[in-house]
Amino acid sequence: MYASLRNFLFQFDPEKVHYFSMGCLKTACSIGLTDRLIRNTFQFNSNSLKKELFGLAFPNPVGLGAGFDKNALYLNELEALGFGFVEIGTVTPKAQDGNEQPRLFRLPADKALINRMGFNNGGVDAVKQRLINWNSTKNSDQNGQMIIGGNIGKNKITPNEDAWKDYQICFNELHETVDYFVVNVSSPNTPGLRALQEKDALLKIFSVLQNDNAGKNKPKPILLKIAPDLNKEQLDDIVSLSMELKLSGLVATNTTIDRSNLSSESSKLAASIGMGGLSGKPVQQRSTEVVKYLSDQTQKQIPIIASGGIFTGRDASEKINNGASLVQVWTGFVYEGPSIVKNICTHLANHQ
């Protein structure tokens, strides 16, 4: 059923379809009867899938990666679809429009997307207020509730030497409203951002954040999101830094700038599309390799959230078997539809 709907929606602009689809879901979830119907249809509840990590109680290990709900607009709707956690953002201190449109493209032959969104978001103040409103509707008992991660970045106009200031602003503004943080220095769509993955730059950013975190009444887990394009030496630096700074965890991986795994049909299409981060099936294998390498090198001392090419329960199991503690979907959600969380959770529950 969803395949037919997807084929119809794929006739239209991807970014417009995103907002149209989520707007329809939001309308449906605003009505008590349909909200309950959606939850009963798409949620999968099993005590066997509950996960304690970072001092947080995840209702299940399947999350939605950053970039889908940049402005925390759809938290109730995503919870209705059964997600155990959602990463909002990437959030920057000031609102920014992002890159020029079109900036989101489909490669159906490879079950992939290319995006060059450029951290388009409404700014930390607007996101913070939505999160305050969301939290006000939740019970004081967190158990069983969807976990919210805050993915933070720098504004495009901020020079790299001052990037730490942007991360610090977002961290402090969102500290009371999210459950954990992810420092995003790995998007290929903000000029110069990936240079912040170098060890000295990361030391500066994390030293500032951890110092601020230590002064809070309730410190929050801080994770680092990395690119799949790092070489062995760079990955070793990430491992060394993670151990040195005692990072709470790693998110592996972001989108790739590599186009080598595309079919000939998609390669031609990608060439005409131009720059942007590639996600979906073509990044699946490399993402798994990075997860395994990080897990092995840290001796599983640092939890890993795996992201990259997860479409099915088997895909999720592969990531977990290679060292991941949790998984995130994004492109798979677009291609597989609203049943993706239930399908993955059903598989995981049956193959434990």
Foldseek 3Di string as FASTA:
>chain_A
DVQVVLVVLLVDQPVVSLVVVLVVLVVQCVDPVSLVVLLVPQADADPVQWDQAQNDIFRHQEEAEEPSAQQLPRQSSVVSLHHSAYEHFQAWAAADQFDDPPAWADDVVQLKIFGQRGRHYHHLVNSQVSLVVVVVPDDPDCHPPRAYEYEYFYHLPDDLVCGLVGLLNNCVSCVVRHQAYEYEQAFPNRPPSVVCLDLVNVCVNLVSNVVVQVPDPHRHAYEYEHALPDDPVSLVSVLVSCVVSVHQAYEFYDFDQDDVQDDPVVVVVDVVVDDGGMAAQSCLVSSLVSLLVSCVSNVLPHAYEGEGHDQALVSQVSSVVSRHPHYHYYSSCSNNHSNRVVRNRVSVVVVD
